[in-house]
Amino acid sequence: MAKKRKIKRAPRGQWSKKDLNLLKKLFPVTATSKVAKKVGRKTDAVKKKASRMGLKKSKVYLRRIGRA
């Protein structure tokens, strides 16, 4: 059986610069659940961090999902 590769992350609760940059890039235009998978965190953690950073979903994204 093949071994699963572990995702390298910063210590619990801390966000690496790579994850923060990815969050800034993806959050406005990507579903939160997909961003969470990409950075290896729970959806609620991504929502909370994005909110603290002042990130919001773009108007284009909201229109695309039918919320604007």
PDB file of N, CA and C in Angstrom:
ATOM      1  N   MET A   1       0.841  -1.176   0.000  1.00  0.00           N
ATOM      2  CA  MET A   1       0.000   0.000   0.000  1.00  0.00           C
ATOM      3  C   MET A   1       0.893   1.247   0.000  1.00  0.00           C
ATOM      4  N   ALA A   2       0.530   2.200  -0.807  1.00  0.00           N
ATOM      5  CA  ALA A   2       1.304   3.438  -0.913  1.00  0.00           C
ATOM      6  C   ALA A   2       1.108   4.299   0.330  1.00  0.00           C
ATOM      7  N   LYS A   3       2.178   4.952   0.728  1.00  0.00           N
ATOM      8  CA  LYS A   3       2.103   5.836   1.887  1.00  0.00           C
ATOM      9  C   LYS A   3       1.480   7.163   1.484  1.00  0.00           C
ATOM     10  N   LYS A   4       0.692   7.724   2.389  1.00  0.00           N
ATOM     11  CA  LYS A   4       0.134   9.054   2.151  1.00  0.00           C
ATOM     12  C   LYS A   4       1.189  10.085   2.515  1.00  0.00           C
ATOM     13  N   ARG A   5       1.289  11.095   1.675  1.00  0.00           N
ATOM     14  CA  ARG A   5       2.213  12.176   1.998  1.00  0.00           C
ATOM     15  C   ARG A   5       1.534  13.157   2.919  1.00  0.00           C
ATOM     16  N   LYS A   6       2.235  13.557   3.942  1.00  0.00           N
ATOM     17  CA  LYS A   6       1.687  14.550   4.871  1.00  0.00           C
ATOM     18  C   LYS A   6       1.959  15.942   4.338  1.00  0.00           C
ATOM     19  N   ILE A   7       0.987  16.807   4.495  1.00  0.00           N
ATOM     20  CA  ILE A   7       1.133  18.199   4.090  1.00  0.00           C
ATOM     21  C   ILE A   7       1.948  18.912   5.163  1.00  0.00           C
ATOM     22  N   LYS A   8       3.009  19.572   4.757  1.00  0.00           N
ATOM     23  CA  LYS A   8       3.812  20.332   5.715  1.00  0.00           C
ATOM     24  C   LYS A   8       3.089  21.620   6.045  1.00  0.00           C
ATOM     25  N   ARG A   9       2.870  21.847   7.325  1.00  0.00           N
ATOM     26  CA  ARG A   9       2.171  23.046   7.788  1.00  0.00           C
ATOM     27  C   ARG A   9       2.938  23.689   8.914  1.00  0.00           C
ATOM     28  N   ALA A  10       2.608  24.912   9.167  1.00  0.00           N
ATOM     29  CA  ALA A  10       3.173  25.614  10.313  1.00  0.00           C
ATOM     30  C   ALA A  10       2.598  24.979  11.576  1.00  0.00           C
ATOM     31  N   PRO A  11       3.211  25.235  12.727  1.00  0.00           N
ATOM     32  CA  PRO A  11       2.651  24.689  13.974  1.00  0.00           C
ATOM     33  C   PRO A  11       1.182  25.046  14.126  1.00  0.00           C
ATOM     34  N   ARG A  12       0.462  24.235  14.864  1.00  0.00           N
ATOM     35  CA  ARG A  12      -0.984  24.387  15.007  1.00  0.00           C
ATOM     36  C   ARG A  12      -1.388  25.834  15.302  1.00  0.00           C
ATOM     37  N   GLY A  13      -2.331  26.310  14.515  1.00  0.00           N
ATOM     38  CA  GLY A  13      -2.851  27.654  14.720  1.00  0.00           C
ATOM     39  C   GLY A  13      -2.096  28.737  13.974  1.00  0.00           C
ATOM     40  N   GLN A  14      -0.867  28.463  13.591  1.00  0.00           N
ATOM     41  CA  GLN A  14      -0.092  29.477  12.874  1.00  0.00           C
ATOM     42  C   GLN A  14      -0.208  29.243  11.380  1.00  0.00           C
ATOM     43  N   TRP A  15      -0.223  30.320  10.650  1.00  0.00           N
ATOM     44  CA  TRP A  15      -0.331  30.254   9.198  1.00  0.00           C
ATOM     45  C   TRP A  15       1.022  30.581   8.592  1.00  0.00           C
ATOM     46  N   SER A  16       1.477  29.766   7.661  1.00  0.00           N
ATOM     47  CA  SER A  16       2.745  30.042   6.981  1.00  0.00           C
ATOM     48  C   SER A  16       2.524  31.176   5.975  1.00  0.00           C
ATOM     49  N   LYS A  17       3.614  31.802   5.567  1.00  0.00           N
ATOM     50  CA  LYS A  17       3.514  32.880   4.568  1.00  0.00           C
ATOM     51  C   LYS A  17       2.943  32.342   3.264  1.00  0.00           C
ATOM     52  N   LYS A  18       3.317  31.119   2.922  1.00  0.00           N
ATOM     53  CA  LYS A  18       2.820  30.498   1.695  1.00  0.00           C
ATOM     54  C   LYS A  18       1.293  30.346   1.764  1.00  0.00           C
ATOM     55  N   ASP A  19       0.792  29.871   2.916  1.00  0.00           N
ATOM     56  CA  ASP A  19      -0.656  29.707   3.087  1.00  0.00           C
ATOM     57  C   ASP A  19      -1.380  31.048   3.070  1.00  0.00           C
ATOM     58  N   LEU A  20      -0.794  32.065   3.681  1.00  0.00           N
ATOM     59  CA  LEU A  20      -1.409  33.392   3.692  1.00  0.00           C
ATOM     60  C   LEU A  20      -1.486  33.976   2.280  1.00  0.00           C
ATOM     61  N   ASN A  21      -0.416  33.802   1.513  1.00  0.00           N
ATOM     62  CA  ASN A  21      -0.417  34.300   0.135  1.00  0.00           C
ATOM     63  C   ASN A  21      -1.454  33.566  -0.708  1.00  0.00           C
ATOM     64  N   LEU A  22      -1.551  32.248  -0.492  1.00  0.00           N
ATOM     65  CA  LEU A  22      -2.539  31.457  -1.211  1.00  0.00           C
ATOM     66  C   LEU A  22      -3.950  31.900  -0.830  1.00  0.00           C
ATOM     67  N   LEU A  23      -4.165  32.176   0.440  1.00  0.00           N
ATOM     68  CA  LEU A  23      -5.462  32.637   0.910  1.00  0.00           C
ATOM     69  C   LEU A  23      -5.824  33.981   0.262  1.00  0.00           C
ATOM     70  N   LYS A  24      -4.884  34.909   0.232  1.00  0.00           N
ATOM     71  CA  LYS A  24      -5.122  36.219  -0.396  1.00  0.00           C
ATOM     72  C   LYS A  24      -5.477  36.074  -1.870  1.00  0.00           C
ATOM     73  N   LYS A  25      -4.806  35.149  -2.542  1.00  0.00           N
ATOM     74  CA  LYS A  25      -5.013  34.960  -3.975  1.00  0.00           C
ATOM     75  C   LYS A  25      -6.333  34.246  -4.274  1.00  0.00           C
ATOM     76  N   LEU A  26      -6.629  33.188  -3.534  1.00  0.00           N
ATOM     77  CA  LEU A  26      -7.764  32.335  -3.865  1.00  0.00           C
ATOM     78  C   LEU A  26      -9.088  32.724  -3.222  1.00  0.00           C
ATOM     79  N   PHE A  27      -9.067  33.242  -2.009  1.00  0.00           N
ATOM     80  CA  PHE A  27     -10.317  33.471  -1.272  1.00  0.00           C
ATOM     81  C   PHE A  27     -11.345  34.304  -2.035  1.00  0.00           C
ATOM     82  N   PRO A  28     -10.973  35.418  -2.652  1.00  0.00           N
ATOM     83  CA  PRO A  28     -11.994  36.240  -3.325  1.00  0.00           C
ATOM     84  C   PRO A  28     -12.705  35.562  -4.492  1.00  0.00           C
ATOM     85  N   VAL A  29     -12.069  34.584  -5.131  1.00  0.00           N
ATOM     86  CA  VAL A  29     -12.632  34.018  -6.363  1.00  0.00           C
ATOM     87  C   VAL A  29     -12.871  32.511  -6.327  1.00  0.00           C
ATOM     88  N   THR A  30     -12.697  31.896  -5.171  1.00  0.00           N
ATOM     89  CA  THR A  30     -12.813  30.440  -5.052  1.00  0.00           C
ATOM     90  C   THR A  30     -13.701  30.090  -3.873  1.00  0.00           C
ATOM     91  N   ALA A  31     -14.422  28.984  -3.983  1.00  0.00           N
ATOM     92  CA  ALA A  31     -15.262  28.518  -2.883  1.00  0.00           C
ATOM     93  C   ALA A  31     -14.398  28.296  -1.639  1.00  0.00           C
ATOM     94  N   THR A  32     -14.900  28.690  -0.491  1.00  0.00           N
ATOM     95  CA  THR A  32     -14.152  28.596   0.749  1.00  0.00           C
ATOM     96  C   THR A  32     -13.743  27.152   1.042  1.00  0.00           C
ATOM     97  N   SER A  33     -14.611  26.211   0.749  1.00  0.00           N
ATOM     98  CA  SER A  33     -14.278  24.805   1.006  1.00  0.00           C
ATOM     99  C   SER A  33     -13.078  24.352   0.173  1.00  0.00           C
ATOM    100  N   LYS A  34     -12.967  24.847  -1.058  1.00  0.00           N
ATOM    101  CA  LYS A  34     -11.832  24.494  -1.911  1.00  0.00           C
ATOM    102  C   LYS A  34     -10.545  25.136  -1.399  1.00  0.00           C
ATOM    103  N   VAL A  35     -10.650  26.381  -0.932  1.00  0.00           N
ATOM    104  CA  VAL A  35      -9.485  27.058  -0.364  1.00  0.00           C
ATOM    105  C   VAL A  35      -9.013  26.291   0.872  1.00  0.00           C
ATOM    106  N   ALA A  36      -9.960  25.871   1.700  1.00  0.00           N
ATOM    107  CA  ALA A  36      -9.630  25.131   2.923  1.00  0.00           C
ATOM    108  C   ALA A  36      -8.884  23.837   2.594  1.00  0.00           C
ATOM    109  N   LYS A  37      -9.339  23.124   1.598  1.00  0.00           N
ATOM    110  CA  LYS A  37      -8.656  21.893   1.186  1.00  0.00           C
ATOM    111  C   LYS A  37      -7.241  22.191   0.710  1.00  0.00           C
ATOM    112  N   LYS A  38      -7.118  23.255  -0.053  1.00  0.00           N
ATOM    113  CA  LYS A  38      -5.830  23.615  -0.638  1.00  0.00           C
ATOM    114  C   LYS A  38      -4.793  23.953   0.444  1.00  0.00           C
ATOM    115  N   VAL A  39      -5.226  24.631   1.510  1.00  0.00           N
ATOM    116  CA  VAL A  39      -4.283  25.010   2.571  1.00  0.00           C
ATOM    117  C   VAL A  39      -4.271  24.012   3.727  1.00  0.00           C
ATOM    118  N   GLY A  40      -5.108  22.975   3.645  1.00  0.00           N
ATOM    119  CA  GLY A  40      -5.099  21.925   4.664  1.00  0.00           C
ATOM    120  C   GLY A  40      -5.668  22.359   6.003  1.00  0.00           C
ATOM    121  N   ARG A  41      -6.734  23.150   5.958  1.00  0.00           N
ATOM    122  CA  ARG A  41      -7.364  23.638   7.184  1.00  0.00           C
ATOM    123  C   ARG A  41      -8.863  23.480   7.092  1.00  0.00           C
ATOM    124  N   LYS A  42      -9.525  23.640   8.224  1.00  0.00           N
ATOM    125  CA  LYS A  42     -10.985  23.550   8.255  1.00  0.00           C
ATOM    126  C   LYS A  42     -11.589  24.814   7.643  1.00  0.00           C
ATOM    127  N   THR A  43     -12.784  24.640   7.102  1.00  0.00           N
ATOM    128  CA  THR A  43     -13.477  25.755   6.455  1.00  0.00           C
ATOM    129  C   THR A  43     -13.664  26.934   7.408  1.00  0.00           C
ATOM    130  N   ASP A  44     -14.051  26.658   8.642  1.00  0.00           N
ATOM    131  CA  ASP A  44     -14.260  27.743   9.608  1.00  0.00           C
ATOM    132  C   ASP A  44     -12.973  28.511   9.886  1.00  0.00           C
ATOM    133  N   ALA A  45     -11.843  27.815   9.919  1.00  0.00           N
ATOM    134  CA  ALA A  45     -10.559  28.482  10.154  1.00  0.00           C
ATOM    135  C   ALA A  45     -10.232  29.432   8.997  1.00  0.00           C
ATOM    136  N   VAL A  46     -10.545  28.996   7.792  1.00  0.00           N
ATOM    137  CA  VAL A  46     -10.293  29.833   6.604  1.00  0.00           C
ATOM    138  C   VAL A  46     -11.200  31.058   6.631  1.00  0.00           C
ATOM    139  N   LYS A  47     -12.478  30.863   6.960  1.00  0.00           N
ATOM    140  CA  LYS A  47     -13.408  31.998   7.041  1.00  0.00           C
ATOM    141  C   LYS A  47     -12.945  33.017   8.069  1.00  0.00           C
ATOM    142  N   LYS A  48     -12.541  32.517   9.226  1.00  0.00           N
ATOM    143  CA  LYS A  48     -12.125  33.415  10.307  1.00  0.00           C
ATOM    144  C   LYS A  48     -10.857  34.179   9.934  1.00  0.00           C
ATOM    145  N   LYS A  49      -9.892  33.488   9.352  1.00  0.00           N
ATOM    146  CA  LYS A  49      -8.637  34.147   8.980  1.00  0.00           C
ATOM    147  C   LYS A  49      -8.876  35.176   7.880  1.00  0.00           C
ATOM    148  N   ALA A  50      -9.699  34.824   6.898  1.00  0.00           N
ATOM    149  CA  ALA A  50     -10.006  35.759   5.816  1.00  0.00           C
ATOM    150  C   ALA A  50     -10.691  37.005   6.368  1.00  0.00           C
ATOM    151  N   SER A  51     -11.593  36.812   7.301  1.00  0.00           N
ATOM    152  CA  SER A  51     -12.292  37.943   7.909  1.00  0.00           C
ATOM    153  C   SER A  51     -11.312  38.844   8.656  1.00  0.00           C
ATOM    154  N   ARG A  52     -10.415  38.236   9.410  1.00  0.00           N
ATOM    155  CA  ARG A  52      -9.422  39.019  10.162  1.00  0.00           C
ATOM    156  C   ARG A  52      -8.467  39.768   9.244  1.00  0.00           C
ATOM    157  N   MET A  53      -8.252  39.216   8.049  1.00  0.00           N
ATOM    158  CA  MET A  53      -7.377  39.876   7.079  1.00  0.00           C
ATOM    159  C   MET A  53      -8.135  40.888   6.234  1.00  0.00           C
ATOM    160  N   GLY A  54      -9.447  40.951   6.394  1.00  0.00           N
ATOM    161  CA  GLY A  54     -10.258  41.895   5.634  1.00  0.00           C
ATOM    162  C   GLY A  54     -10.567  41.432   4.222  1.00  0.00           C
ATOM    163  N   LEU A  55     -10.437  40.138   3.963  1.00  0.00           N
ATOM    164  CA  LEU A  55     -10.707  39.600   2.637  1.00  0.00           C
ATOM    165  C   LEU A  55     -12.206  39.369   2.460  1.00  0.00           C
ATOM    166  N   LYS A  56     -12.688  39.612   1.259  1.00  0.00           N
ATOM    167  CA  LYS A  56     -14.099  39.389   0.938  1.00  0.00           C
ATOM    168  C   LYS A  56     -14.193  38.704  -0.407  1.00  0.00           C
ATOM    169  N   LYS A  57     -15.314  38.058  -0.636  1.00  0.00           N
ATOM    170  CA  LYS A  57     -15.558  37.435  -1.934  1.00  0.00           C
ATOM    171  C   LYS A  57     -15.759  38.550  -2.960  1.00  0.00           C
ATOM    172  N   SER A  58     -15.255  38.333  -4.171  1.00  0.00           N
ATOM    173  CA  SER A  58     -15.378  39.344  -5.216  1.00  0.00           C
ATOM    174  C   SER A  58     -16.806  39.379  -5.759  1.00  0.00           C
ATOM    175  N   LYS A  59     -17.168  40.507  -6.342  1.00  0.00           N
ATOM    176  CA  LYS A  59     -18.501  40.647  -6.942  1.00  0.00           C
ATOM    177  C   LYS A  59     -18.686  39.650  -8.078  1.00  0.00           C
ATOM    178  N   VAL A  60     -17.618  39.405  -8.816  1.00  0.00           N
ATOM    179  CA  VAL A  60     -17.677  38.444  -9.925  1.00  0.00           C
ATOM    180  C   VAL A  60     -18.005  37.049  -9.384  1.00  0.00           C
ATOM    181  N   TYR A  61     -17.329  36.650  -8.316  1.00  0.00           N
ATOM    182  CA  TYR A  61     -17.580  35.338  -7.720  1.00  0.00           C
ATOM    183  C   TYR A  61     -19.014  35.247  -7.201  1.00  0.00           C
ATOM    184  N   LEU A  62     -19.459  36.264  -6.484  1.00  0.00           N
ATOM    185  CA  LEU A  62     -20.814  36.265  -5.935  1.00  0.00           C
ATOM    186  C   LEU A  62     -21.868  36.207  -7.032  1.00  0.00           C
ATOM    187  N   ARG A  63     -21.633  36.911  -8.130  1.00  0.00           N
ATOM    188  CA  ARG A  63     -22.545  36.869  -9.272  1.00  0.00           C
ATOM    189  C   ARG A  63     -22.584  35.458  -9.880  1.00  0.00           C
ATOM    190  N   ARG A  64     -21.401  34.865  -9.960  1.00  0.00           N
ATOM    191  CA  ARG A  64     -21.297  33.535 -10.554  1.00  0.00           C
ATOM    192  C   ARG A  64     -22.072  32.484  -9.771  1.00  0.00           C
ATOM    193  N   ILE A  65     -22.133  32.638  -8.441  1.00  0.00           N
ATOM    194  CA  ILE A  65     -22.877  31.665  -7.637  1.00  0.00           C
ATOM    195  C   ILE A  65     -24.316  32.122  -7.371  1.00  0.00           C
ATOM    196  N   GLY A  66     -24.683  33.268  -7.961  1.00  0.00           N
ATOM    197  CA  GLY A  66     -26.050  33.743  -7.869  1.00  0.00           C
ATOM    198  C   GLY A  66     -26.406  34.466  -6.587  1.00  0.00           C
ATOM    199  N   ARG A  67     -25.411  35.146  -5.976  1.00  0.00           N
ATOM    200  CA  ARG A  67     -25.671  35.849  -4.728  1.00  0.00           C
ATOM    201  C   ARG A  67     -25.493  37.355  -4.837  1.00  0.00           C
ATOM    202  N   ALA A  68     -25.361  37.868  -6.032  1.00  0.00           N
ATOM    203  CA  ALA A  68     -25.198  39.319  -6.167  1.00  0.00           C
ATOM    204  C   ALA A  68     -26.124  39.872  -7.234  1.00  0.00           C
TER     205      ALA A  68
END
